[in-house]
C-alpha atoms as a PDB file:
ATOM      1  CA  MET A   1      -0.322  -0.094  -0.138  1.00  0.00           C
ATOM      2  CA  ASP A   2       1.558   3.287  -1.115  1.00  0.00           C
ATOM      3  CA  ASN A   3       0.912   6.098   1.521  1.00  0.00           C
ATOM      4  CA  GLY A   4       2.835   9.005  -0.634  1.00  0.00           C
ATOM      5  CA  GLY A   5       6.249   8.440   0.651  1.00  0.00           C
ATOM      6  CA  GLU A   6       5.334   8.609   4.555  1.00  0.00           C
ATOM      7  CA  HIS A   7       7.134   6.486   7.146  1.00  0.00           C
ATOM      8  CA  THR A   8       5.464   3.376   7.024  1.00  0.00           C
ATOM      9  CA  ALA A   9       4.979   1.376  10.445  1.00  0.00           C
ATOM     10  CA  PRO A  10       6.515  -2.288  10.493  1.00  0.00           C
ATOM     11  CA  GLU A  11       4.332  -4.940   9.964  1.00  0.00           C
ATOM     12  CA  LEU A  12       2.607  -5.872  13.387  1.00  0.00           C
ATOM     13  CA  ARG A  13       0.039  -8.604  12.467  1.00  0.00           C
ATOM     14  CA  THR A  14       1.268 -11.250  14.940  1.00  0.00           C
ATOM     15  CA  LEU A  15       1.715 -11.286  18.730  1.00  0.00           C
ATOM     16  CA  GLN A  16       5.517 -11.889  18.273  1.00  0.00           C
ATOM     17  CA  GLN A  17       5.784  -8.932  15.794  1.00  0.00           C
ATOM     18  CA  LYS A  18       4.011  -6.639  18.383  1.00  0.00           C
ATOM     19  CA  VAL A  19       5.902  -7.980  21.560  1.00  0.00           C
ATOM     20  CA  ALA A  20       9.416  -7.931  19.607  1.00  0.00           C
ATOM     21  CA  TYR A  21       8.485  -4.163  18.458  1.00  0.00           C
ATOM     22  CA  MET A  22       7.562  -3.223  22.006  1.00  0.00           C
ATOM     23  CA  VAL A  23      10.654  -4.786  23.294  1.00  0.00           C
ATOM     24  CA  GLU A  24      12.739  -2.706  20.865  1.00  0.00           C
ATOM     25  CA  LYS A  25      11.071   0.554  21.575  1.00  0.00           C
ATOM     26  CA  THR A  26      10.591   0.353  25.196  1.00  0.00           C
ATOM     27  CA  PHE A  27      14.264  -1.230  26.155  1.00  0.00           C
ATOM     28  CA  PRO A  28      16.219   0.420  23.171  1.00  0.00           C
ATOM     29  CA  GLY A  29      19.591  -1.568  23.015  1.00  0.00           C
ATOM     30  CA  GLN A  30      19.187  -3.272  25.639  1.00  0.00           C
ATOM     31  CA  ARG A  31      18.821  -7.140  25.913  1.00  0.00           C
ATOM     32  CA  VAL A  32      15.894  -7.849  28.245  1.00  0.00           C
ATOM     33  CA  SER A  33      15.585 -11.300  29.788  1.00  0.00           C
ATOM     34  CA  GLY A  34      12.229 -13.037  30.166  1.00  0.00           C
ATOM     35  CA  ARG A  35      12.657 -12.898  33.905  1.00  0.00           C
ATOM     36  CA  ALA A  36      13.374  -9.172  34.505  1.00  0.00           C
ATOM     37  CA  PHE A  37      10.238  -8.506  32.208  1.00  0.00           C
ATOM     38  CA  ALA A  38       8.202 -10.921  34.050  1.00  0.00           C
ATOM     39  CA  ASP A  39       9.333  -8.981  37.059  1.00  0.00           C
ATOM     40  CA  LEU A  40       8.803  -5.774  35.998  1.00  0.00           C
ATOM     41  CA  VAL A  41       4.929  -6.866  35.047  1.00  0.00           C
ATOM     42  CA  LYS A  42       4.353  -8.113  38.618  1.00  0.00           C
ATOM     43  CA  GLU A  43       5.999  -4.866  40.029  1.00  0.00           C
ATOM     44  CA  ARG A  44       3.336  -2.807  38.116  1.00  0.00           C
ATOM     45  CA  GLY A  45       0.573  -5.616  39.406  1.00  0.00           C
ATOM     46  CA  GLY A  46       0.188  -8.296  36.698  1.00  0.00           C
ATOM     47  CA  SER A  47       1.555 -11.496  36.461  1.00  0.00           C
ATOM     48  CA  LEU A  48       3.294 -13.067  33.616  1.00  0.00           C
ATOM     49  CA  SER A  49       5.830 -16.250  33.826  1.00  0.00           C
ATOM     50  CA  HIS A  50       9.157 -15.563  32.496  1.00  0.00           C
ATOM     51  CA  SER A  51       8.923 -18.722  30.268  1.00  0.00           C
ATOM     52  CA  TYR A  52       5.481 -18.083  28.643  1.00  0.00           C
ATOM     53  CA  PHE A  53       6.840 -14.023  27.745  1.00  0.00           C
ATOM     54  CA  SER A  54      10.075 -16.196  26.108  1.00  0.00           C
ATOM     55  CA  ASN A  55       7.474 -18.471  24.531  1.00  0.00           C
ATOM     56  CA  ILE A  56       5.510 -15.116  23.258  1.00  0.00           C
ATOM     57  CA  LEU A  57       8.952 -13.992  21.500  1.00  0.00           C
ATOM     58  CA  ALA A  58       9.752 -16.997  20.460  1.00  0.00           C
ATOM     59  CA  GLY A  59       6.276 -17.210  18.436  1.00  0.00           C
ATOM     60  CA  LYS A  60       5.673 -20.154  20.108  1.00  0.00           C
ATOM     61  CA  VAL A  61       2.180 -18.375  21.844  1.00  0.00           C
ATOM     62  CA  THR A  62      -0.101 -17.317  19.261  1.00  0.00           C
ATOM     63  CA  GLN A  63      -3.457 -16.721  21.136  1.00  0.00           C
ATOM     64  CA  PRO A  64      -2.960 -16.212  24.881  1.00  0.00           C
ATOM     65  CA  SER A  65      -5.727 -14.885  27.297  1.00  0.00           C
ATOM     66  CA  GLU A  66      -6.976 -11.506  27.947  1.00  0.00           C
ATOM     67  CA  GLU A  67      -4.970 -11.623  31.131  1.00  0.00           C
ATOM     68  CA  ILE A  68      -1.994 -12.337  29.662  1.00  0.00           C
ATOM     69  CA  LEU A  69      -2.494  -9.311  26.984  1.00  0.00           C
ATOM     70  CA  LYS A  70      -3.348  -6.964  30.298  1.00  0.00           C
ATOM     71  CA  ALA A  71       0.059  -8.501  31.689  1.00  0.00           C
ATOM     72  CA  LEU A  72       1.916  -7.257  28.710  1.00  0.00           C
ATOM     73  CA  GLY A  73       0.440  -4.059  28.116  1.00  0.00           C
ATOM     74  CA  LEU A  74       1.654  -3.370  31.989  1.00  0.00           C
ATOM     75  CA  GLY A  75       5.103  -4.475  31.275  1.00  0.00           C
ATOM     76  CA  PHE A  76       5.473  -2.120  28.440  1.00  0.00           C
ATOM     77  CA  GLY A  77       3.016   0.633  29.656  1.00  0.00           C
ATOM     78  CA  VAL A  78       0.911   0.618  26.799  1.00  0.00           C
ATOM     79  CA  ASP A  79      -2.817  -0.099  26.090  1.00  0.00           C
ATOM     80  CA  TRP A  80      -3.391  -3.933  26.230  1.00  0.00           C
ATOM     81  CA  ARG A  81      -5.402  -3.803  23.239  1.00  0.00           C
ATOM     82  CA  PHE A  82      -2.581  -3.385  20.886  1.00  0.00           C
ATOM     83  CA  PHE A  83      -1.457  -6.641  21.373  1.00  0.00           C
ATOM     84  CA  LYS A  84      -5.061  -8.077  20.212  1.00  0.00           C
ATOM     85  CA  GLU A  85      -5.536  -9.298  16.877  1.00  0.00           C
ATOM     86  CA  GLU A  86      -6.289  -6.291  14.423  1.00  0.00           C
ATOM     87  CA  SER A  87      -9.895  -7.674  13.462  1.00  0.00           C
ATOM     88  CA  GLU A  88     -10.831  -7.805  17.029  1.00  0.00           C
ATOM     89  CA  VAL A  89      -9.497  -4.014  17.462  1.00  0.00           C
ATOM     90  CA  VAL A  90     -11.511  -3.098  14.667  1.00  0.00           C
ATOM     91  CA  ASP A  91     -14.537  -5.229  15.867  1.00  0.00           C
ATOM     92  CA  ASP A  92     -14.208  -3.195  19.037  1.00  0.00           C
ATOM     93  CA  VAL A  93     -13.916   0.087  17.473  1.00  0.00           C
ATOM     94  CA  VAL A  94     -16.953  -0.356  15.099  1.00  0.00           C
ATOM     95  CA  ALA A  95     -19.062  -1.556  18.272  1.00  0.00           C
ATOM     96  CA  GLY A  96     -18.045   1.560  19.914  1.00  0.00           C
ATOM     97  CA  LEU A  97     -18.758   3.910  17.199  1.00  0.00           C
ATOM     98  CA  GLN A  98     -22.191   2.236  16.646  1.00  0.00           C
ATOM     99  CA  PHE A  99     -23.024   2.314  20.559  1.00  0.00           C
ATOM    100  CA  LEU A 100     -21.692   6.216  20.152  1.00  0.00           C
ATOM    101  CA  ALA A 101     -24.260   6.600  17.279  1.00  0.00           C
ATOM    102  CA  LYS A 102     -26.917   4.814  18.913  1.00  0.00           C
ATOM    103  CA  ARG A 103     -26.643   7.052  22.404  1.00  0.00           C
ATOM    104  CA  ARG A 104     -26.642  10.106  20.005  1.00  0.00           C
ATOM    105  CA  THR A 105     -29.789   9.141  18.390  1.00  0.00           C
ATOM    106  CA  GLY A 106     -31.575   8.328  21.915  1.00  0.00           C
ATOM    107  CA  GLU A 107     -31.828   4.721  21.235  1.00  0.00           C
ATOM    108  CA  ILE A 108     -29.181   4.503  24.302  1.00  0.00           C
ATOM    109  CA  SER A 109     -29.420   6.526  27.240  1.00  0.00           C
ATOM    110  CA  GLY A 110     -28.662   7.059  30.914  1.00  0.00           C
ATOM    111  CA  LEU A 111     -25.145   5.260  30.517  1.00  0.00           C
ATOM    112  CA  ALA A 112     -21.958   6.408  31.639  1.00  0.00           C
ATOM    113  CA  GLY A 113     -18.904   5.456  29.522  1.00  0.00           C
ATOM    114  CA  ARG A 114     -15.825   4.682  31.595  1.00  0.00           C
ATOM    115  CA  GLY A 115     -12.652   6.985  31.334  1.00  0.00           C
ATOM    116  CA  VAL A 116     -14.584   9.112  28.757  1.00  0.00           C
ATOM    117  CA  ASP A 117     -15.495  12.803  30.640  1.00  0.00           C
ATOM    118  CA  ASP A 118     -18.139  15.425  29.283  1.00  0.00           C
ATOM    119  CA  ASP A 119     -16.391  16.182  26.156  1.00  0.00           C
ATOM    120  CA  GLY A 120     -16.930  12.417  25.045  1.00  0.00           C
ATOM    121  CA  LEU A 121     -13.887  10.658  23.306  1.00  0.00           C
ATOM    122  CA  PRO A 122     -10.564  12.439  22.911  1.00  0.00           C
ATOM    123  CA  ALA A 123     -10.177  13.748  19.373  1.00  0.00           C
ATOM    124  CA  GLU A 124      -6.846  11.303  18.779  1.00  0.00           C
ATOM    125  CA  LEU A 125      -9.082   8.399  19.664  1.00  0.00           C
ATOM    126  CA  LEU A 126     -12.184   9.270  17.545  1.00  0.00           C
ATOM    127  CA  GLU A 127      -9.787  10.318  14.401  1.00  0.00           C
ATOM    128  CA  PHE A 128      -7.780   7.017  14.637  1.00  0.00           C
ATOM    129  CA  ALA A 129     -11.114   4.929  14.818  1.00  0.00           C
ATOM    130  CA  LEU A 130     -12.825   7.030  11.677  1.00  0.00           C
ATOM    131  CA  SER A 131      -9.401   6.445   9.491  1.00  0.00           C
ATOM    132  CA  LEU A 132      -9.829   2.549  10.544  1.00  0.00           C
ATOM    133  CA  LEU A 133     -13.055   2.791   9.291  1.00  0.00           C
ATOM    134  CA  GLU A 134     -12.095   4.431   5.911  1.00  0.00           C
ATOM    135  CA  ASP A 135      -9.620   1.653   5.147  1.00  0.00           C
ATOM    136  CA  ALA A 136     -12.121  -1.026   5.914  1.00  0.00           C
ATOM    137  CA  LYS A 137     -14.548   0.691   3.659  1.00  0.00           C
ATOM    138  CA  ARG A 138     -11.739   1.204   0.919  1.00  0.00           C
ATOM    139  CA  ASP A 139     -10.684  -2.618   1.399  1.00  0.00           C
ATOM    140  CA  ARG A 140     -14.347  -3.955   1.019  1.00  0.00           C
ATOM    141  CA  PRO A 141     -15.326  -4.365  -3.033  1.00  0.00           C
ATOM    142  CA  GLY A 142     -18.698  -3.067  -4.081  1.00  0.00           C
ATOM    143  CA  ASP A 143     -18.849  -0.564  -1.233  1.00  0.00           C
ATOM    144  CA  GLU A 144     -17.226   2.551  -3.156  1.00  0.00           C
ATOM    145  CA  ASP A 145     -18.551   5.929  -2.206  1.00  0.00           C
ATOM    146  CA  PRO A 146     -20.033   7.540  -5.264  1.00  0.00           C
ATOM    147  CA  SER A 147     -18.800  10.849  -4.448  1.00  0.00           C
ATOM    148  CA  ASP A 148     -15.090   9.840  -4.455  1.00  0.00           C
END
């Protein structure tokens, strides 16, 4: 996919690719052992065995539980959903946007969103979600917008 010469992100489709990328970005130039990472997760209130972390880096673990993903998020200091399969993240974003649309039209009312203040979603999150929807729309044959 040509994006006009902009900086392209590395391919981060598998859990192994995502974790290796985060190790490189979070601990640049350092060799981080599974034990050191497991200790870091524990310090931050999570639980992850050093051998399980090593198996993720080796590509032996491809579909861990949500608890493991949350532990990875704690260890790297990022939102754990980064480690979910892309299709799951897109589905979550779409479901969230559908919820917001129903709330706006009055089909849903009287609910409080966790982490959402009176201003609603942060602009960056909404912009990201809309870009995902545009990408998904472009990737579906037969759904072209006639105004393009």
